[in-house]
Amino acid sequence: MYSLTTQKKMPEDWHQADIIAALKKAGTNMSALGEAKGYSRNSLRNALYRPYPKAEKIIADALNLKPKDIWPSRYS
């Protein structure tokens, strides 16, 4: 008897370049967002490499998304 098993594929996090491009299309960038929210110019970039909930929210808000839409692996 043949059994077909299906596995749910976890959605992947956005690629770093896709996040940067989406911000550019939205008319901003990581440096401008950071400065506007009182952070140093490069501090939001940490969210691209490791969990950083405050920065993730700032980036997601700029894209009219929720952080879990961009980084599903961090919000499972």
PDB file of N, CA and C in Angstrom:
ATOM      1  N   MET A   1       0.830  -1.154   0.000  1.00  0.00           N
ATOM      2  CA  MET A   1       0.000   0.000   0.000  1.00  0.00           C
ATOM      3  C   MET A   1       0.893   1.242   0.000  1.00  0.00           C
ATOM      4  N   TYR A   2       0.564   2.193  -0.820  1.00  0.00           N
ATOM      5  CA  TYR A   2       1.354   3.410  -0.963  1.00  0.00           C
ATOM      6  C   TYR A   2       0.764   4.504  -0.084  1.00  0.00           C
ATOM      7  N   SER A   3       1.599   5.127   0.692  1.00  0.00           N
ATOM      8  CA  SER A   3       1.147   6.192   1.583  1.00  0.00           C
ATOM      9  C   SER A   3       1.883   7.476   1.235  1.00  0.00           C
ATOM     10  N   LEU A   4       1.127   8.496   0.985  1.00  0.00           N
ATOM     11  CA  LEU A   4       1.720   9.793   0.669  1.00  0.00           C
ATOM     12  C   LEU A   4       1.644  10.669   1.910  1.00  0.00           C
ATOM     13  N   THR A   5       2.785  11.032   2.393  1.00  0.00           N
ATOM     14  CA  THR A   5       2.804  11.919   3.555  1.00  0.00           C
ATOM     15  C   THR A   5       3.180  13.309   3.096  1.00  0.00           C
ATOM     16  N   THR A   6       2.464  14.252   3.604  1.00  0.00           N
ATOM     17  CA  THR A   6       2.771  15.633   3.261  1.00  0.00           C
ATOM     18  C   THR A   6       3.271  16.342   4.500  1.00  0.00           C
ATOM     19  N   GLN A   7       4.281  17.115   4.297  1.00  0.00           N
ATOM     20  CA  GLN A   7       4.831  17.892   5.393  1.00  0.00           C
ATOM     21  C   GLN A   7       4.582  19.358   5.106  1.00  0.00           C
ATOM     22  N   LYS A   8       4.190  20.068   6.149  1.00  0.00           N
ATOM     23  CA  LYS A   8       4.033  21.502   5.994  1.00  0.00           C
ATOM     24  C   LYS A   8       5.409  22.133   5.925  1.00  0.00           C
ATOM     25  N   LYS A   9       5.595  22.954   4.937  1.00  0.00           N
ATOM     26  CA  LYS A   9       6.865  23.650   4.800  1.00  0.00           C
ATOM     27  C   LYS A   9       6.767  24.976   5.559  1.00  0.00           C
ATOM     28  N   MET A  10       7.709  25.182   6.450  1.00  0.00           N
ATOM     29  CA  MET A  10       7.736  26.430   7.200  1.00  0.00           C
ATOM     30  C   MET A  10       8.057  27.583   6.256  1.00  0.00           C
ATOM     31  N   PRO A  11       7.317  28.667   6.393  1.00  0.00           N
ATOM     32  CA  PRO A  11       7.660  29.832   5.565  1.00  0.00           C
ATOM     33  C   PRO A  11       9.069  30.309   5.922  1.00  0.00           C
ATOM     34  N   GLU A  12       9.771  30.750   4.940  1.00  0.00           N
ATOM     35  CA  GLU A  12      11.140  31.212   5.166  1.00  0.00           C
ATOM     36  C   GLU A  12      11.156  32.696   5.494  1.00  0.00           C
ATOM     37  N   ASP A  13      12.158  33.082   6.264  1.00  0.00           N
ATOM     38  CA  ASP A  13      12.369  34.500   6.542  1.00  0.00           C
ATOM     39  C   ASP A  13      12.740  35.211   5.244  1.00  0.00           C
ATOM     40  N   TRP A  14      12.401  36.477   5.182  1.00  0.00           N
ATOM     41  CA  TRP A  14      12.804  37.270   4.026  1.00  0.00           C
ATOM     42  C   TRP A  14      14.329  37.336   3.983  1.00  0.00           C
ATOM     43  N   HIS A  15      14.860  37.380   2.800  1.00  0.00           N
ATOM     44  CA  HIS A  15      16.300  37.569   2.628  1.00  0.00           C
ATOM     45  C   HIS A  15      16.642  39.009   3.004  1.00  0.00           C
ATOM     46  N   GLN A  16      17.828  39.204   3.529  1.00  0.00           N
ATOM     47  CA  GLN A  16      18.263  40.540   3.945  1.00  0.00           C
ATOM     48  C   GLN A  16      18.162  41.557   2.811  1.00  0.00           C
ATOM     49  N   ALA A  17      18.545  41.162   1.614  1.00  0.00           N
ATOM     50  CA  ALA A  17      18.487  42.066   0.467  1.00  0.00           C
ATOM     51  C   ALA A  17      17.046  42.434   0.123  1.00  0.00           C
ATOM     52  N   ASP A  18      16.123  41.504   0.335  1.00  0.00           N
ATOM     53  CA  ASP A  18      14.712  41.782   0.064  1.00  0.00           C
ATOM     54  C   ASP A  18      14.154  42.803   1.046  1.00  0.00           C
ATOM     55  N   ILE A  19      14.581  42.722   2.294  1.00  0.00           N
ATOM     56  CA  ILE A  19      14.136  43.692   3.303  1.00  0.00           C
ATOM     57  C   ILE A  19      14.656  45.081   2.951  1.00  0.00           C
ATOM     58  N   ILE A  20      15.921  45.159   2.614  1.00  0.00           N
ATOM     59  CA  ILE A  20      16.524  46.445   2.253  1.00  0.00           C
ATOM     60  C   ILE A  20      15.855  47.026   1.014  1.00  0.00           C
ATOM     61  N   ALA A  21      15.581  46.168   0.014  1.00  0.00           N
ATOM     62  CA  ALA A  21      14.921  46.626  -1.207  1.00  0.00           C
ATOM     63  C   ALA A  21      13.493  47.097  -0.926  1.00  0.00           C
ATOM     64  N   ALA A  22      12.783  46.384  -0.068  1.00  0.00           N
ATOM     65  CA  ALA A  22      11.412  46.774   0.269  1.00  0.00           C
ATOM     66  C   ALA A  22      11.399  48.132   0.974  1.00  0.00           C
ATOM     67  N   LEU A  23      12.367  48.365   1.853  1.00  0.00           N
ATOM     68  CA  LEU A  23      12.463  49.660   2.520  1.00  0.00           C
ATOM     69  C   LEU A  23      12.762  50.759   1.503  1.00  0.00           C
ATOM     70  N   LYS A  24      13.635  50.476   0.563  1.00  0.00           N
ATOM     71  CA  LYS A  24      13.966  51.462  -0.465  1.00  0.00           C
ATOM     72  C   LYS A  24      12.734  51.790  -1.301  1.00  0.00           C
ATOM     73  N   LYS A  25      11.958  50.761  -1.668  1.00  0.00           N
ATOM     74  CA  LYS A  25      10.723  50.984  -2.427  1.00  0.00           C
ATOM     75  C   LYS A  25       9.722  51.803  -1.622  1.00  0.00           C
ATOM     76  N   ALA A  26       9.761  51.652  -0.295  1.00  0.00           N
ATOM     77  CA  ALA A  26       8.861  52.403   0.581  1.00  0.00           C
ATOM     78  C   ALA A  26       9.356  53.832   0.815  1.00  0.00           C
ATOM     79  N   GLY A  27      10.523  54.145   0.265  1.00  0.00           N
ATOM     80  CA  GLY A  27      11.049  55.506   0.355  1.00  0.00           C
ATOM     81  C   GLY A  27      11.899  55.792   1.575  1.00  0.00           C
ATOM     82  N   THR A  28      12.457  54.757   2.158  1.00  0.00           N
ATOM     83  CA  THR A  28      13.306  54.950   3.332  1.00  0.00           C
ATOM     84  C   THR A  28      14.440  53.941   3.309  1.00  0.00           C
ATOM     85  N   ASN A  29      15.237  53.928   4.355  1.00  0.00           N
ATOM     86  CA  ASN A  29      16.310  52.943   4.484  1.00  0.00           C
ATOM     87  C   ASN A  29      16.580  52.705   5.967  1.00  0.00           C
ATOM     88  N   MET A  30      17.420  51.755   6.255  1.00  0.00           N
ATOM     89  CA  MET A  30      17.704  51.383   7.643  1.00  0.00           C
ATOM     90  C   MET A  30      18.269  52.559   8.440  1.00  0.00           C
ATOM     91  N   SER A  31      19.171  53.294   7.862  1.00  0.00           N
ATOM     92  CA  SER A  31      19.788  54.415   8.577  1.00  0.00           C
ATOM     93  C   SER A  31      18.759  55.476   8.936  1.00  0.00           C
ATOM     94  N   ALA A  32      17.936  55.849   7.975  1.00  0.00           N
ATOM     95  CA  ALA A  32      16.917  56.881   8.219  1.00  0.00           C
ATOM     96  C   ALA A  32      15.912  56.423   9.266  1.00  0.00           C
ATOM     97  N   LEU A  33      15.503  55.167   9.190  1.00  0.00           N
ATOM     98  CA  LEU A  33      14.565  54.631  10.184  1.00  0.00           C
ATOM     99  C   LEU A  33      15.176  54.668  11.584  1.00  0.00           C
ATOM    100  N   GLY A  34      16.420  54.233  11.680  1.00  0.00           N
ATOM    101  CA  GLY A  34      17.090  54.216  12.974  1.00  0.00           C
ATOM    102  C   GLY A  34      17.182  55.599  13.583  1.00  0.00           C
ATOM    103  N   GLU A  35      17.623  56.552  12.796  1.00  0.00           N
ATOM    104  CA  GLU A  35      17.762  57.914  13.290  1.00  0.00           C
ATOM    105  C   GLU A  35      16.414  58.509  13.673  1.00  0.00           C
ATOM    106  N   ALA A  36      15.381  58.240  12.876  1.00  0.00           N
ATOM    107  CA  ALA A  36      14.049  58.778  13.160  1.00  0.00           C
ATOM    108  C   ALA A  36      13.476  58.238  14.468  1.00  0.00           C
ATOM    109  N   LYS A  37      13.889  57.037  14.849  1.00  0.00           N
ATOM    110  CA  LYS A  37      13.383  56.419  16.072  1.00  0.00           C
ATOM    111  C   LYS A  37      14.342  56.561  17.251  1.00  0.00           C
ATOM    112  N   GLY A  38      15.408  57.344  17.077  1.00  0.00           N
ATOM    113  CA  GLY A  38      16.327  57.603  18.180  1.00  0.00           C
ATOM    114  C   GLY A  38      17.422  56.574  18.366  1.00  0.00           C
ATOM    115  N   TYR A  39      17.667  55.770  17.363  1.00  0.00           N
ATOM    116  CA  TYR A  39      18.727  54.766  17.420  1.00  0.00           C
ATOM    117  C   TYR A  39      19.914  55.256  16.588  1.00  0.00           C
ATOM    118  N   SER A  40      21.041  54.621  16.750  1.00  0.00           N
ATOM    119  CA  SER A  40      22.186  54.973  15.916  1.00  0.00           C
ATOM    120  C   SER A  40      21.897  54.523  14.481  1.00  0.00           C
ATOM    121  N   ARG A  41      22.648  55.044  13.558  1.00  0.00           N
ATOM    122  CA  ARG A  41      22.388  54.785  12.138  1.00  0.00           C
ATOM    123  C   ARG A  41      22.417  53.301  11.775  1.00  0.00           C
ATOM    124  N   ASN A  42      23.255  52.532  12.443  1.00  0.00           N
ATOM    125  CA  ASN A  42      23.418  51.130  12.063  1.00  0.00           C
ATOM    126  C   ASN A  42      22.755  50.136  13.009  1.00  0.00           C
ATOM    127  N   SER A  43      22.100  50.603  14.039  1.00  0.00           N
ATOM    128  CA  SER A  43      21.578  49.668  15.038  1.00  0.00           C
ATOM    129  C   SER A  43      20.462  48.777  14.502  1.00  0.00           C
ATOM    130  N   LEU A  44      19.619  49.272  13.614  1.00  0.00           N
ATOM    131  CA  LEU A  44      18.524  48.447  13.103  1.00  0.00           C
ATOM    132  C   LEU A  44      19.024  47.295  12.241  1.00  0.00           C
ATOM    133  N   ARG A  45      20.216  47.428  11.703  1.00  0.00           N
ATOM    134  CA  ARG A  45      20.774  46.356  10.867  1.00  0.00           C
ATOM    135  C   ARG A  45      20.955  45.058  11.648  1.00  0.00           C
ATOM    136  N   ASN A  46      21.070  45.150  12.957  1.00  0.00           N
ATOM    137  CA  ASN A  46      21.204  43.940  13.770  1.00  0.00           C
ATOM    138  C   ASN A  46      20.026  43.000  13.588  1.00  0.00           C
ATOM    139  N   ALA A  47      18.860  43.549  13.304  1.00  0.00           N
ATOM    140  CA  ALA A  47      17.671  42.714  13.108  1.00  0.00           C
ATOM    141  C   ALA A  47      17.795  41.825  11.879  1.00  0.00           C
ATOM    142  N   LEU A  48      18.667  42.172  10.973  1.00  0.00           N
ATOM    143  CA  LEU A  48      18.867  41.335   9.786  1.00  0.00           C
ATOM    144  C   LEU A  48      19.601  40.046  10.122  1.00  0.00           C
ATOM    145  N   TYR A  49      20.351  40.051  11.218  1.00  0.00           N
ATOM    146  CA  TYR A  49      21.214  38.920  11.547  1.00  0.00           C
ATOM    147  C   TYR A  49      20.808  38.136  12.787  1.00  0.00           C
ATOM    148  N   ARG A  50      20.073  38.785  13.696  1.00  0.00           N
ATOM    149  CA  ARG A  50      19.710  38.123  14.952  1.00  0.00           C
ATOM    150  C   ARG A  50      18.397  38.722  15.450  1.00  0.00           C
ATOM    151  N   PRO A  51      17.703  38.013  16.317  1.00  0.00           N
ATOM    152  CA  PRO A  51      16.458  38.556  16.856  1.00  0.00           C
ATOM    153  C   PRO A  51      16.688  39.878  17.594  1.00  0.00           C
ATOM    154  N   TYR A  52      15.883  40.855  17.265  1.00  0.00           N
ATOM    155  CA  TYR A  52      15.939  42.179  17.869  1.00  0.00           C
ATOM    156  C   TYR A  52      14.522  42.753  17.750  1.00  0.00           C
ATOM    157  N   PRO A  53      13.625  42.347  18.656  1.00  0.00           N
ATOM    158  CA  PRO A  53      12.203  42.672  18.533  1.00  0.00           C
ATOM    159  C   PRO A  53      11.877  44.147  18.305  1.00  0.00           C
ATOM    160  N   LYS A  54      12.560  45.052  18.990  1.00  0.00           N
ATOM    161  CA  LYS A  54      12.257  46.472  18.805  1.00  0.00           C
ATOM    162  C   LYS A  54      12.567  46.928  17.378  1.00  0.00           C
ATOM    163  N   ALA A  55      13.718  46.522  16.877  1.00  0.00           N
ATOM    164  CA  ALA A  55      14.104  46.893  15.514  1.00  0.00           C
ATOM    165  C   ALA A  55      13.216  46.197  14.487  1.00  0.00           C
ATOM    166  N   GLU A  56      12.871  44.944  14.751  1.00  0.00           N
ATOM    167  CA  GLU A  56      12.001  44.212  13.827  1.00  0.00           C
ATOM    168  C   GLU A  56      10.658  44.921  13.683  1.00  0.00           C
ATOM    169  N   LYS A  57      10.130  45.424  14.792  1.00  0.00           N
ATOM    170  CA  LYS A  57       8.846  46.135  14.752  1.00  0.00           C
ATOM    171  C   LYS A  57       8.960  47.427  13.961  1.00  0.00           C
ATOM    172  N   ILE A  58      10.031  48.172  14.145  1.00  0.00           N
ATOM    173  CA  ILE A  58      10.231  49.423  13.418  1.00  0.00           C
ATOM    174  C   ILE A  58      10.290  49.147  11.916  1.00  0.00           C
ATOM    175  N   ILE A  59      11.041  48.126  11.527  1.00  0.00           N
ATOM    176  CA  ILE A  59      11.169  47.779  10.109  1.00  0.00           C
ATOM    177  C   ILE A  59       9.827  47.323   9.556  1.00  0.00           C
ATOM    178  N   ALA A  60       9.146  46.445  10.281  1.00  0.00           N
ATOM    179  CA  ALA A  60       7.852  45.939   9.818  1.00  0.00           C
ATOM    180  C   ALA A  60       6.832  47.070   9.694  1.00  0.00           C
ATOM    181  N   ASP A  61       6.812  47.975  10.662  1.00  0.00           N
ATOM    182  CA  ASP A  61       5.875  49.104  10.603  1.00  0.00           C
ATOM    183  C   ASP A  61       6.125  49.964   9.362  1.00  0.00           C
ATOM    184  N   ALA A  62       7.381  50.149   9.010  1.00  0.00           N
ATOM    185  CA  ALA A  62       7.716  50.947   7.829  1.00  0.00           C
ATOM    186  C   ALA A  62       7.210  50.284   6.546  1.00  0.00           C
ATOM    187  N   LEU A  63       7.048  48.965   6.599  1.00  0.00           N
ATOM    188  CA  LEU A  63       6.572  48.221   5.426  1.00  0.00           C
ATOM    189  C   LEU A  63       5.092  47.855   5.540  1.00  0.00           C
ATOM    190  N   ASN A  64       4.423  48.375   6.574  1.00  0.00           N
ATOM    191  CA  ASN A  64       3.015  48.056   6.832  1.00  0.00           C
ATOM    192  C   ASN A  64       2.783  46.559   6.966  1.00  0.00           C
ATOM    193  N   LEU A  65       3.686  45.910   7.672  1.00  0.00           N
ATOM    194  CA  LEU A  65       3.609  44.471   7.928  1.00  0.00           C
ATOM    195  C   LEU A  65       3.778  44.230   9.412  1.00  0.00           C
ATOM    196  N   LYS A  66       3.653  42.972   9.790  1.00  0.00           N
ATOM    197  CA  LYS A  66       3.952  42.555  11.152  1.00  0.00           C
ATOM    198  C   LYS A  66       5.312  41.853  11.121  1.00  0.00           C
ATOM    199  N   PRO A  67       6.083  41.937  12.197  1.00  0.00           N
ATOM    200  CA  PRO A  67       7.396  41.274  12.199  1.00  0.00           C
ATOM    201  C   PRO A  67       7.322  39.794  11.834  1.00  0.00           C
ATOM    202  N   LYS A  68       6.251  39.105  12.252  1.00  0.00           N
ATOM    203  CA  LYS A  68       6.150  37.676  11.945  1.00  0.00           C
ATOM    204  C   LYS A  68       5.958  37.419  10.456  1.00  0.00           C
ATOM    205  N   ASP A  69       5.546  38.435   9.681  1.00  0.00           N
ATOM    206  CA  ASP A  69       5.432  38.279   8.231  1.00  0.00           C
ATOM    207  C   ASP A  69       6.812  38.281   7.571  1.00  0.00           C
ATOM    208  N   ILE A  70       7.751  38.971   8.165  1.00  0.00           N
ATOM    209  CA  ILE A  70       9.105  39.083   7.617  1.00  0.00           C
ATOM    210  C   ILE A  70      10.018  37.992   8.168  1.00  0.00           C
ATOM    211  N   TRP A  71       9.867  37.710   9.464  1.00  0.00           N
ATOM    212  CA  TRP A  71      10.717  36.722  10.134  1.00  0.00           C
ATOM    213  C   TRP A  71       9.856  35.632  10.775  1.00  0.00           C
ATOM    214  N   PRO A  72       9.201  34.783   9.997  1.00  0.00           N
ATOM    215  CA  PRO A  72       8.329  33.762  10.603  1.00  0.00           C
ATOM    216  C   PRO A  72       9.067  32.784  11.513  1.00  0.00           C
ATOM    217  N   SER A  73      10.330  32.535  11.259  1.00  0.00           N
ATOM    218  CA  SER A  73      11.065  31.585  12.104  1.00  0.00           C
ATOM    219  C   SER A  73      11.266  32.119  13.521  1.00  0.00           C
ATOM    220  N   ARG A  74      11.245  33.428  13.682  1.00  0.00           N
ATOM    221  CA  ARG A  74      11.437  34.033  14.986  1.00  0.00           C
ATOM    222  C   ARG A  74      10.135  34.131  15.780  1.00  0.00           C
ATOM    223  N   TYR A  75       9.025  33.957  15.098  1.00  0.00           N
ATOM    224  CA  TYR A  75       7.717  34.109  15.741  1.00  0.00           C
ATOM    225  C   TYR A  75       6.855  32.870  15.560  1.00  0.00           C
ATOM    226  N   SER A  76       7.437  31.706  15.655  1.00  0.00           N
ATOM    227  CA  SER A  76       6.668  30.477  15.437  1.00  0.00           C
ATOM    228  C   SER A  76       5.910  30.028  16.656  1.00  0.00           C
TER     229      SER A  76
END
